[in-house]
Amino acid sequence: MDFDKLIDEDIAGLAQIGVTLPLNAAVLRDYLPHRYPFMLLDRVTAVKPNEWITGVKNITINEPFFNGHFPEEPIMPGVLMIEAMAQVAGVLGFISKNVKPRDGYIYLFAGVDKVRFKRQVIPGDQLILRAEKTMERHSIYKFSCTACVGDELAASAEITIAEQRTQYHQS
């Protein structure tokens, strides 16, 4: 998969549904119901609806999880790398359907398979999050996801999310 390669036709298609890249944290709050300290996506740099997405999480020493994991040698918990990959996959779901939480939709974490951790993620790292849609059935979606620091794979997983209608309306 040639991530991050968008042609003019892709960019025009995004513009038709009101998506202008990059999506910064303020715009991402329209797509994700998560808030600090659990919003683990800072930016979306590229997306091809119904196919793939690339996002970024900047890792700083100010992350609250470093207070306990581990104060003397801070390492991002693996489960939070999985959550970050799930969040970027959820944004792909919202963009692909051209809906947002305020429209009465939410994407819930439904499963994770084939998780692998390959590299520690520490303060100062920039985690590049990628999700490629591999399956869609009814309102269930599966993604092949990676989290990388530079060219080094930090984590990978197959993540399943489920689309749900909700009464949640974001203000």
N, C-alpha and C. Protein backbone atom coordinates (compact mmCIF):
# COMPACT_ATOMS: atom_id res chain seq x y z
N MET A 1 0.85 -1.18 0.00
CA MET A 1 0.00 0.00 0.00
C MET A 1 0.89 1.23 0.00
N ASP A 2 0.63 2.15 -0.91
CA ASP A 2 1.42 3.37 -1.01
C ASP A 2 0.71 4.47 -0.21
N PHE A 3 0.88 4.41 1.12
CA PHE A 3 0.25 5.39 1.99
C PHE A 3 0.77 6.79 1.69
N ASP A 4 -0.04 7.77 1.97
CA ASP A 4 0.30 9.19 1.86
C ASP A 4 0.37 9.71 0.44
N LYS A 5 0.11 8.87 -0.55
CA LYS A 5 0.14 9.31 -1.94
C LYS A 5 -1.28 9.63 -2.39
N LEU A 6 -1.60 10.89 -2.43
CA LEU A 6 -2.91 11.33 -2.89
C LEU A 6 -2.75 12.06 -4.21
N ILE A 7 -3.59 11.75 -5.17
CA ILE A 7 -3.57 12.46 -6.43
C ILE A 7 -4.63 13.56 -6.38
N ASP A 8 -4.63 14.45 -7.37
CA ASP A 8 -5.56 15.57 -7.38
C ASP A 8 -7.01 15.10 -7.28
N GLU A 9 -7.32 13.98 -7.92
CA GLU A 9 -8.69 13.44 -7.88
C GLU A 9 -9.09 13.06 -6.44
N ASP A 10 -8.14 12.50 -5.68
CA ASP A 10 -8.41 12.15 -4.28
C ASP A 10 -8.69 13.41 -3.46
N ILE A 11 -7.88 14.43 -3.66
CA ILE A 11 -8.02 15.68 -2.91
C ILE A 11 -9.34 16.35 -3.26
N ALA A 12 -9.72 16.33 -4.53
CA ALA A 12 -11.01 16.90 -4.95
C ALA A 12 -12.17 16.14 -4.32
N GLY A 13 -12.06 14.82 -4.25
CA GLY A 13 -13.10 14.01 -3.62
C GLY A 13 -13.25 14.33 -2.15
N LEU A 14 -12.14 14.54 -1.46
CA LEU A 14 -12.19 14.93 -0.05
C LEU A 14 -12.87 16.29 0.11
N ALA A 15 -12.53 17.22 -0.77
CA ALA A 15 -13.12 18.56 -0.71
C ALA A 15 -14.64 18.50 -0.88
N GLN A 16 -15.11 17.58 -1.71
CA GLN A 16 -16.56 17.44 -1.93
C GLN A 16 -17.30 17.04 -0.67
N ILE A 17 -16.61 16.33 0.25
CA ILE A 17 -17.27 15.95 1.50
C ILE A 17 -16.80 16.83 2.67
N GLY A 18 -16.16 17.95 2.35
CA GLY A 18 -15.78 18.92 3.37
C GLY A 18 -14.54 18.57 4.17
N VAL A 19 -13.65 17.76 3.61
CA VAL A 19 -12.43 17.37 4.32
C VAL A 19 -11.24 18.05 3.66
N THR A 20 -10.53 18.87 4.44
CA THR A 20 -9.32 19.54 3.98
C THR A 20 -8.16 19.07 4.84
N LEU A 21 -7.15 18.50 4.19
CA LEU A 21 -5.99 17.99 4.92
C LEU A 21 -4.94 19.07 5.13
N PRO A 22 -4.16 18.98 6.19
CA PRO A 22 -4.26 18.00 7.26
C PRO A 22 -5.41 18.34 8.21
N LEU A 23 -5.91 17.32 8.91
CA LEU A 23 -6.90 17.54 9.95
C LEU A 23 -6.16 17.70 11.27
N ASN A 24 -6.27 18.88 11.88
CA ASN A 24 -5.56 19.10 13.14
C ASN A 24 -6.42 18.66 14.32
N ALA A 25 -5.88 18.78 15.53
CA ALA A 25 -6.58 18.29 16.73
C ALA A 25 -7.94 18.95 16.90
N ALA A 26 -8.06 20.24 16.59
CA ALA A 26 -9.35 20.92 16.74
C ALA A 26 -10.40 20.31 15.81
N VAL A 27 -10.03 20.01 14.58
CA VAL A 27 -10.96 19.39 13.63
C VAL A 27 -11.25 17.95 14.03
N LEU A 28 -10.24 17.24 14.52
CA LEU A 28 -10.43 15.85 14.91
C LEU A 28 -11.44 15.70 16.05
N ARG A 29 -11.59 16.74 16.86
CA ARG A 29 -12.61 16.69 17.93
C ARG A 29 -14.01 16.58 17.36
N ASP A 30 -14.18 16.96 16.10
CA ASP A 30 -15.49 16.76 15.43
C ASP A 30 -15.70 15.30 15.04
N TYR A 31 -14.61 14.55 14.88
CA TYR A 31 -14.71 13.16 14.43
C TYR A 31 -14.61 12.14 15.57
N LEU A 32 -13.96 12.52 16.65
CA LEU A 32 -13.75 11.59 17.76
C LEU A 32 -14.47 12.08 19.01
N PRO A 33 -15.15 11.19 19.72
CA PRO A 33 -15.77 11.61 20.97
C PRO A 33 -14.76 11.70 22.11
N HIS A 34 -13.54 11.23 21.91
CA HIS A 34 -12.52 11.23 22.95
C HIS A 34 -12.05 12.65 23.24
N ARG A 35 -11.64 12.87 24.48
CA ARG A 35 -11.06 14.13 24.91
C ARG A 35 -9.84 13.85 25.77
N TYR A 36 -9.07 14.90 26.03
CA TYR A 36 -7.89 14.77 26.89
C TYR A 36 -8.31 14.12 28.20
N PRO A 37 -7.55 13.19 28.70
CA PRO A 37 -6.26 12.70 28.23
C PRO A 37 -6.35 11.47 27.32
N PHE A 38 -7.55 11.15 26.83
CA PHE A 38 -7.70 9.91 26.08
C PHE A 38 -7.77 10.10 24.58
N MET A 39 -7.68 11.32 24.08
CA MET A 39 -7.60 11.54 22.64
C MET A 39 -6.14 11.33 22.23
N LEU A 40 -5.88 10.28 21.48
CA LEU A 40 -4.52 9.87 21.17
C LEU A 40 -4.17 10.08 19.70
N LEU A 41 -4.75 11.09 19.11
CA LEU A 41 -4.49 11.42 17.71
C LEU A 41 -4.37 12.94 17.60
N ASP A 42 -3.22 13.42 17.12
CA ASP A 42 -2.98 14.86 17.01
C ASP A 42 -3.30 15.41 15.63
N ARG A 43 -3.17 14.57 14.60
CA ARG A 43 -3.31 15.07 13.23
C ARG A 43 -3.56 13.91 12.28
N VAL A 44 -4.36 14.16 11.26
CA VAL A 44 -4.48 13.23 10.14
C VAL A 44 -3.82 13.91 8.95
N THR A 45 -2.85 13.23 8.35
CA THR A 45 -2.07 13.84 7.27
C THR A 45 -2.54 13.40 5.89
N ALA A 46 -3.16 12.22 5.81
CA ALA A 46 -3.63 11.72 4.51
C ALA A 46 -4.75 10.71 4.75
N VAL A 47 -5.72 10.71 3.83
CA VAL A 47 -6.81 9.75 3.93
C VAL A 47 -7.39 9.50 2.54
N LYS A 48 -7.69 8.25 2.27
CA LYS A 48 -8.42 7.88 1.06
C LYS A 48 -9.65 7.14 1.56
N PRO A 49 -10.84 7.82 1.54
CA PRO A 49 -12.05 7.22 2.11
C PRO A 49 -12.28 5.79 1.61
N ASN A 50 -12.73 4.96 2.54
CA ASN A 50 -13.01 3.54 2.31
C ASN A 50 -11.77 2.70 2.05
N GLU A 51 -10.59 3.29 2.16
CA GLU A 51 -9.36 2.52 1.89
C GLU A 51 -8.35 2.61 3.03
N TRP A 52 -7.78 3.81 3.27
CA TRP A 52 -6.69 3.93 4.24
C TRP A 52 -6.63 5.34 4.82
N ILE A 53 -5.86 5.46 5.91
CA ILE A 53 -5.67 6.74 6.59
C ILE A 53 -4.30 6.75 7.26
N THR A 54 -3.70 7.93 7.37
CA THR A 54 -2.44 8.12 8.10
C THR A 54 -2.64 9.26 9.08
N GLY A 55 -2.25 9.02 10.33
CA GLY A 55 -2.35 10.03 11.38
C GLY A 55 -1.08 10.08 12.20
N VAL A 56 -1.02 11.06 13.10
CA VAL A 56 0.17 11.31 13.92
C VAL A 56 -0.22 11.51 15.37
N LYS A 57 0.55 10.91 16.26
CA LYS A 57 0.48 11.19 17.69
C LYS A 57 1.87 11.58 18.12
N ASN A 58 2.03 12.83 18.58
CA ASN A 58 3.30 13.30 19.10
C ASN A 58 3.41 12.90 20.56
N ILE A 59 4.47 12.22 20.91
CA ILE A 59 4.64 11.72 22.27
C ILE A 59 5.51 12.70 23.05
N THR A 60 4.94 13.27 24.11
CA THR A 60 5.69 14.23 24.93
C THR A 60 5.82 13.71 26.36
N ILE A 61 6.77 14.25 27.08
CA ILE A 61 6.96 13.85 28.48
C ILE A 61 5.76 14.25 29.33
N ASN A 62 4.92 15.13 28.83
CA ASN A 62 3.73 15.59 29.57
C ASN A 62 2.55 14.63 29.50
N GLU A 63 2.67 13.52 28.78
CA GLU A 63 1.57 12.55 28.71
C GLU A 63 1.29 12.04 30.12
N PRO A 64 0.02 12.05 30.54
CA PRO A 64 -0.29 11.62 31.92
C PRO A 64 0.10 10.19 32.23
N PHE A 65 0.12 9.31 31.23
CA PHE A 65 0.46 7.91 31.51
C PHE A 65 1.92 7.72 31.91
N PHE A 66 2.78 8.69 31.60
CA PHE A 66 4.18 8.57 31.98
C PHE A 66 4.39 8.72 33.49
N ASN A 67 3.41 9.28 34.21
CA ASN A 67 3.53 9.40 35.66
C ASN A 67 3.66 8.03 36.32
N GLY A 68 3.07 7.00 35.72
CA GLY A 68 3.13 5.69 36.32
C GLY A 68 3.75 4.62 35.44
N HIS A 69 4.10 4.96 34.18
CA HIS A 69 4.57 3.95 33.23
C HIS A 69 5.80 4.46 32.47
N PHE A 70 6.85 4.53 32.85
CA PHE A 70 7.42 4.34 34.18
C PHE A 70 8.15 5.63 34.49
N PRO A 71 8.00 6.19 35.71
CA PRO A 71 8.55 7.52 35.99
C PRO A 71 10.04 7.67 35.71
N GLU A 72 10.81 6.64 35.99
CA GLU A 72 12.27 6.72 35.78
C GLU A 72 12.69 6.41 34.35
N GLU A 73 11.85 5.70 33.63
CA GLU A 73 12.13 5.34 32.24
C GLU A 73 10.81 5.29 31.48
N PRO A 74 10.28 6.46 31.08
CA PRO A 74 8.93 6.51 30.49
C PRO A 74 8.82 5.77 29.17
N ILE A 75 7.79 4.90 29.09
CA ILE A 75 7.50 4.11 27.89
C ILE A 75 6.00 4.18 27.67
N MET A 76 5.57 4.46 26.44
CA MET A 76 4.14 4.48 26.14
C MET A 76 3.58 3.07 26.29
N PRO A 77 2.50 2.91 27.08
CA PRO A 77 1.90 1.58 27.21
C PRO A 77 1.41 1.03 25.87
N GLY A 78 1.64 -0.25 25.66
CA GLY A 78 1.22 -0.89 24.41
C GLY A 78 -0.28 -0.78 24.17
N VAL A 79 -1.07 -0.90 25.22
CA VAL A 79 -2.52 -0.81 25.03
C VAL A 79 -2.93 0.56 24.51
N LEU A 80 -2.16 1.59 24.83
CA LEU A 80 -2.48 2.92 24.31
C LEU A 80 -2.06 3.07 22.86
N MET A 81 -1.04 2.33 22.44
CA MET A 81 -0.72 2.31 21.00
C MET A 81 -1.86 1.65 20.23
N ILE A 82 -2.41 0.58 20.80
CA ILE A 82 -3.56 -0.08 20.18
C ILE A 82 -4.74 0.89 20.11
N GLU A 83 -5.01 1.60 21.19
CA GLU A 83 -6.10 2.57 21.20
C GLU A 83 -5.88 3.67 20.17
N ALA A 84 -4.65 4.15 20.03
CA ALA A 84 -4.35 5.18 19.03
C ALA A 84 -4.63 4.67 17.62
N MET A 85 -4.26 3.41 17.35
CA MET A 85 -4.55 2.82 16.04
C MET A 85 -6.06 2.69 15.83
N ALA A 86 -6.78 2.32 16.87
CA ALA A 86 -8.25 2.22 16.77
C ALA A 86 -8.88 3.58 16.52
N GLN A 87 -8.34 4.63 17.15
CA GLN A 87 -8.89 5.97 16.94
C GLN A 87 -8.69 6.42 15.50
N VAL A 88 -7.52 6.19 14.92
CA VAL A 88 -7.32 6.60 13.53
C VAL A 88 -8.22 5.78 12.60
N ALA A 89 -8.44 4.50 12.93
CA ALA A 89 -9.36 3.68 12.13
C ALA A 89 -10.78 4.23 12.24
N GLY A 90 -11.17 4.67 13.43
CA GLY A 90 -12.50 5.27 13.61
C GLY A 90 -12.68 6.53 12.79
N VAL A 91 -11.65 7.36 12.71
CA VAL A 91 -11.74 8.57 11.88
C VAL A 91 -11.94 8.17 10.42
N LEU A 92 -11.25 7.13 9.97
CA LEU A 92 -11.46 6.66 8.60
C LEU A 92 -12.92 6.23 8.41
N GLY A 93 -13.48 5.56 9.41
CA GLY A 93 -14.89 5.18 9.33
C GLY A 93 -15.81 6.38 9.18
N PHE A 94 -15.61 7.38 10.01
CA PHE A 94 -16.44 8.59 9.93
C PHE A 94 -16.31 9.29 8.59
N ILE A 95 -15.07 9.47 8.13
CA ILE A 95 -14.85 10.16 6.86
C ILE A 95 -15.44 9.35 5.70
N SER A 96 -15.28 8.04 5.74
CA SER A 96 -15.78 7.19 4.66
C SER A 96 -17.30 7.27 4.55
N LYS A 97 -17.99 7.36 5.68
CA LYS A 97 -19.46 7.44 5.68
C LYS A 97 -19.95 8.89 5.62
N ASN A 98 -19.01 9.85 5.69
CA ASN A 98 -19.34 11.27 5.69
C ASN A 98 -20.32 11.62 6.82
N VAL A 99 -20.01 11.10 8.02
CA VAL A 99 -20.79 11.40 9.22
C VAL A 99 -19.83 11.73 10.36
N LYS A 100 -20.40 12.28 11.43
CA LYS A 100 -19.65 12.62 12.63
C LYS A 100 -20.47 12.20 13.84
N PRO A 101 -19.86 12.15 15.02
CA PRO A 101 -20.63 11.79 16.21
C PRO A 101 -21.88 12.64 16.40
N ARG A 102 -21.79 13.91 16.08
CA ARG A 102 -22.96 14.78 16.27
C ARG A 102 -24.14 14.39 15.37
N ASP A 103 -23.87 13.57 14.35
CA ASP A 103 -24.93 13.07 13.47
C ASP A 103 -25.58 11.82 14.05
N GLY A 104 -25.13 11.40 15.24
CA GLY A 104 -25.72 10.23 15.88
C GLY A 104 -25.03 8.93 15.57
N TYR A 105 -23.74 8.98 15.23
CA TYR A 105 -22.95 7.77 14.95
C TYR A 105 -21.75 7.71 15.88
N ILE A 106 -21.33 6.49 16.16
CA ILE A 106 -20.10 6.27 16.90
C ILE A 106 -19.50 4.96 16.41
N TYR A 107 -18.18 4.88 16.43
CA TYR A 107 -17.48 3.65 16.09
C TYR A 107 -16.86 3.12 17.37
N LEU A 108 -17.26 1.90 17.75
CA LEU A 108 -16.80 1.30 18.98
C LEU A 108 -15.75 0.23 18.70
N PHE A 109 -14.78 0.16 19.57
CA PHE A 109 -13.74 -0.85 19.50
C PHE A 109 -14.42 -2.21 19.70
N ALA A 110 -14.31 -3.10 18.74
CA ALA A 110 -14.99 -4.39 18.82
C ALA A 110 -14.03 -5.57 18.95
N GLY A 111 -12.77 -5.37 18.61
CA GLY A 111 -11.84 -6.48 18.75
C GLY A 111 -10.45 -6.13 18.26
N VAL A 112 -9.51 -6.94 18.69
CA VAL A 112 -8.12 -6.77 18.25
C VAL A 112 -7.49 -8.15 18.13
N ASP A 113 -6.77 -8.36 17.05
CA ASP A 113 -6.10 -9.63 16.78
C ASP A 113 -4.69 -9.36 16.29
N LYS A 114 -3.86 -10.38 16.38
CA LYS A 114 -2.51 -10.36 15.82
C LYS A 114 -1.70 -9.14 16.27
N VAL A 115 -1.79 -8.80 17.55
CA VAL A 115 -1.04 -7.66 18.09
C VAL A 115 0.43 -8.04 18.23
N ARG A 116 1.28 -7.12 17.79
CA ARG A 116 2.72 -7.30 17.93
C ARG A 116 3.33 -5.96 18.33
N PHE A 117 4.23 -6.02 19.31
CA PHE A 117 4.98 -4.84 19.74
C PHE A 117 6.44 -5.06 19.37
N LYS A 118 7.02 -4.10 18.66
CA LYS A 118 8.36 -4.28 18.11
C LYS A 118 9.38 -3.27 18.64
N ARG A 119 8.88 -2.14 19.16
CA ARG A 119 9.78 -1.06 19.56
C ARG A 119 9.14 -0.27 20.67
N GLN A 120 9.95 0.17 21.64
CA GLN A 120 9.43 1.05 22.68
C GLN A 120 9.18 2.43 22.10
N VAL A 121 8.14 3.09 22.61
CA VAL A 121 7.82 4.46 22.21
C VAL A 121 8.03 5.33 23.44
N ILE A 122 8.87 6.36 23.27
CA ILE A 122 9.30 7.18 24.41
C ILE A 122 9.06 8.66 24.11
N PRO A 123 9.15 9.51 25.15
CA PRO A 123 8.98 10.96 24.92
C PRO A 123 9.91 11.46 23.81
N GLY A 124 9.36 12.31 22.96
CA GLY A 124 10.10 12.86 21.83
C GLY A 124 9.82 12.13 20.52
N ASP A 125 9.25 10.92 20.62
CA ASP A 125 8.92 10.17 19.41
C ASP A 125 7.66 10.73 18.75
N GLN A 126 7.57 10.57 17.46
CA GLN A 126 6.35 10.86 16.72
C GLN A 126 5.83 9.54 16.19
N LEU A 127 4.64 9.16 16.66
CA LEU A 127 4.04 7.89 16.28
C LEU A 127 3.20 8.10 15.03
N ILE A 128 3.57 7.42 13.95
CA ILE A 128 2.83 7.50 12.69
C ILE A 128 1.86 6.33 12.68
N LEU A 129 0.57 6.65 12.63
CA LEU A 129 -0.50 5.65 12.73
C LEU A 129 -1.12 5.45 11.37
N ARG A 130 -1.22 4.19 10.96
CA ARG A 130 -1.83 3.89 9.67
C ARG A 130 -2.86 2.79 9.83
N ALA A 131 -3.96 2.94 9.11
CA ALA A 131 -5.00 1.91 9.09
C ALA A 131 -5.45 1.71 7.65
N GLU A 132 -5.52 0.46 7.25
CA GLU A 132 -6.02 0.10 5.93
C GLU A 132 -7.24 -0.80 6.12
N LYS A 133 -8.38 -0.42 5.53
CA LYS A 133 -9.58 -1.23 5.67
C LYS A 133 -9.41 -2.52 4.89
N THR A 134 -9.65 -3.65 5.59
CA THR A 134 -9.48 -4.95 4.96
C THR A 134 -10.80 -5.71 4.84
N MET A 135 -11.83 -5.27 5.58
CA MET A 135 -13.10 -5.97 5.54
C MET A 135 -14.21 -5.04 6.01
N GLU A 136 -15.37 -5.19 5.36
CA GLU A 136 -16.58 -4.46 5.77
C GLU A 136 -17.77 -5.40 5.59
N ARG A 137 -18.50 -5.62 6.67
CA ARG A 137 -19.73 -6.41 6.62
C ARG A 137 -20.75 -5.73 7.49
N HIS A 138 -21.85 -5.34 6.87
CA HIS A 138 -22.92 -4.64 7.59
C HIS A 138 -22.31 -3.41 8.26
N SER A 139 -22.25 -3.38 9.55
CA SER A 139 -21.67 -2.21 10.23
C SER A 139 -20.41 -2.59 11.02
N ILE A 140 -19.73 -3.63 10.57
CA ILE A 140 -18.48 -4.09 11.19
C ILE A 140 -17.35 -3.88 10.18
N TYR A 141 -16.24 -3.32 10.68
CA TYR A 141 -15.11 -3.01 9.81
C TYR A 141 -13.83 -3.56 10.44
N LYS A 142 -12.97 -4.13 9.62
CA LYS A 142 -11.68 -4.62 10.09
C LYS A 142 -10.58 -3.85 9.37
N PHE A 143 -9.51 -3.55 10.12
CA PHE A 143 -8.39 -2.76 9.61
C PHE A 143 -7.07 -3.44 9.94
N SER A 144 -6.14 -3.35 9.02
CA SER A 144 -4.75 -3.70 9.28
C SER A 144 -4.06 -2.41 9.69
N CYS A 145 -3.54 -2.37 10.92
CA CYS A 145 -3.01 -1.12 11.48
C CYS A 145 -1.54 -1.25 11.85
N THR A 146 -0.83 -0.13 11.72
CA THR A 146 0.56 -0.06 12.18
C THR A 146 0.77 1.25 12.92
N ALA A 147 1.74 1.20 13.83
CA ALA A 147 2.23 2.39 14.53
C ALA A 147 3.74 2.37 14.37
N CYS A 148 4.29 3.40 13.76
CA CYS A 148 5.72 3.45 13.47
C CYS A 148 6.35 4.71 14.04
N VAL A 149 7.63 4.62 14.35
CA VAL A 149 8.44 5.79 14.68
C VAL A 149 9.48 5.87 13.58
N GLY A 150 9.36 6.90 12.76
CA GLY A 150 10.20 6.95 11.56
C GLY A 150 9.87 5.75 10.69
N ASP A 151 10.89 5.03 10.30
CA ASP A 151 10.69 3.82 9.48
C ASP A 151 10.61 2.55 10.32
N GLU A 152 10.68 2.69 11.66
CA GLU A 152 10.67 1.52 12.54
C GLU A 152 9.26 1.19 13.00
N LEU A 153 8.87 -0.07 12.82
CA LEU A 153 7.58 -0.53 13.30
C LEU A 153 7.61 -0.63 14.82
N ALA A 154 6.68 0.06 15.48
CA ALA A 154 6.56 -0.01 16.93
C ALA A 154 5.50 -1.03 17.33
N ALA A 155 4.38 -1.06 16.59
CA ALA A 155 3.29 -1.98 16.91
C ALA A 155 2.46 -2.22 15.65
N SER A 156 1.81 -3.38 15.63
CA SER A 156 0.86 -3.68 14.56
C SER A 156 -0.28 -4.49 15.14
N ALA A 157 -1.43 -4.40 14.48
CA ALA A 157 -2.60 -5.14 14.95
C ALA A 157 -3.67 -5.14 13.87
N GLU A 158 -4.54 -6.14 13.95
CA GLU A 158 -5.78 -6.12 13.18
C GLU A 158 -6.86 -5.65 14.14
N ILE A 159 -7.50 -4.54 13.79
CA ILE A 159 -8.48 -3.92 14.69
C ILE A 159 -9.85 -3.96 14.04
N THR A 160 -10.84 -4.34 14.85
CA THR A 160 -12.22 -4.38 14.40
C THR A 160 -13.01 -3.31 15.14
N ILE A 161 -13.79 -2.53 14.38
CA ILE A 161 -14.67 -1.54 14.99
C ILE A 161 -16.10 -1.77 14.49
N ALA A 162 -17.03 -1.34 15.29
CA ALA A 162 -18.45 -1.52 14.95
C ALA A 162 -19.14 -0.16 14.95
N GLU A 163 -19.87 0.10 13.89
CA GLU A 163 -20.64 1.34 13.79
C GLU A 163 -21.94 1.18 14.59
N GLN A 164 -22.24 2.18 15.40
CA GLN A 164 -23.47 2.17 16.20
C GLN A 164 -24.16 3.51 16.05
N ARG A 165 -25.47 3.46 16.05
CA ARG A 165 -26.26 4.70 16.16
C ARG A 165 -26.29 5.03 17.65
N THR A 166 -26.28 6.29 17.98
CA THR A 166 -26.23 6.70 19.38
C THR A 166 -27.05 7.95 19.60
N GLN A 167 -27.35 8.19 20.85
CA GLN A 167 -28.03 9.42 21.23
C GLN A 167 -27.03 10.51 21.55
N TYR A 168 -25.74 10.15 21.55
CA TYR A 168 -24.67 11.09 21.86
C TYR A 168 -24.67 12.23 20.83
N HIS A 169 -24.68 13.43 21.32
CA HIS A 169 -24.56 14.60 20.43
C HIS A 169 -23.49 15.49 21.00
N GLN A 170 -22.47 15.72 20.22
CA GLN A 170 -21.32 16.50 20.65
C GLN A 170 -21.66 17.99 20.60
N SER A 171 -21.21 18.70 21.61
CA SER A 171 -21.41 20.16 21.60
C SER A 171 -20.15 20.88 21.24
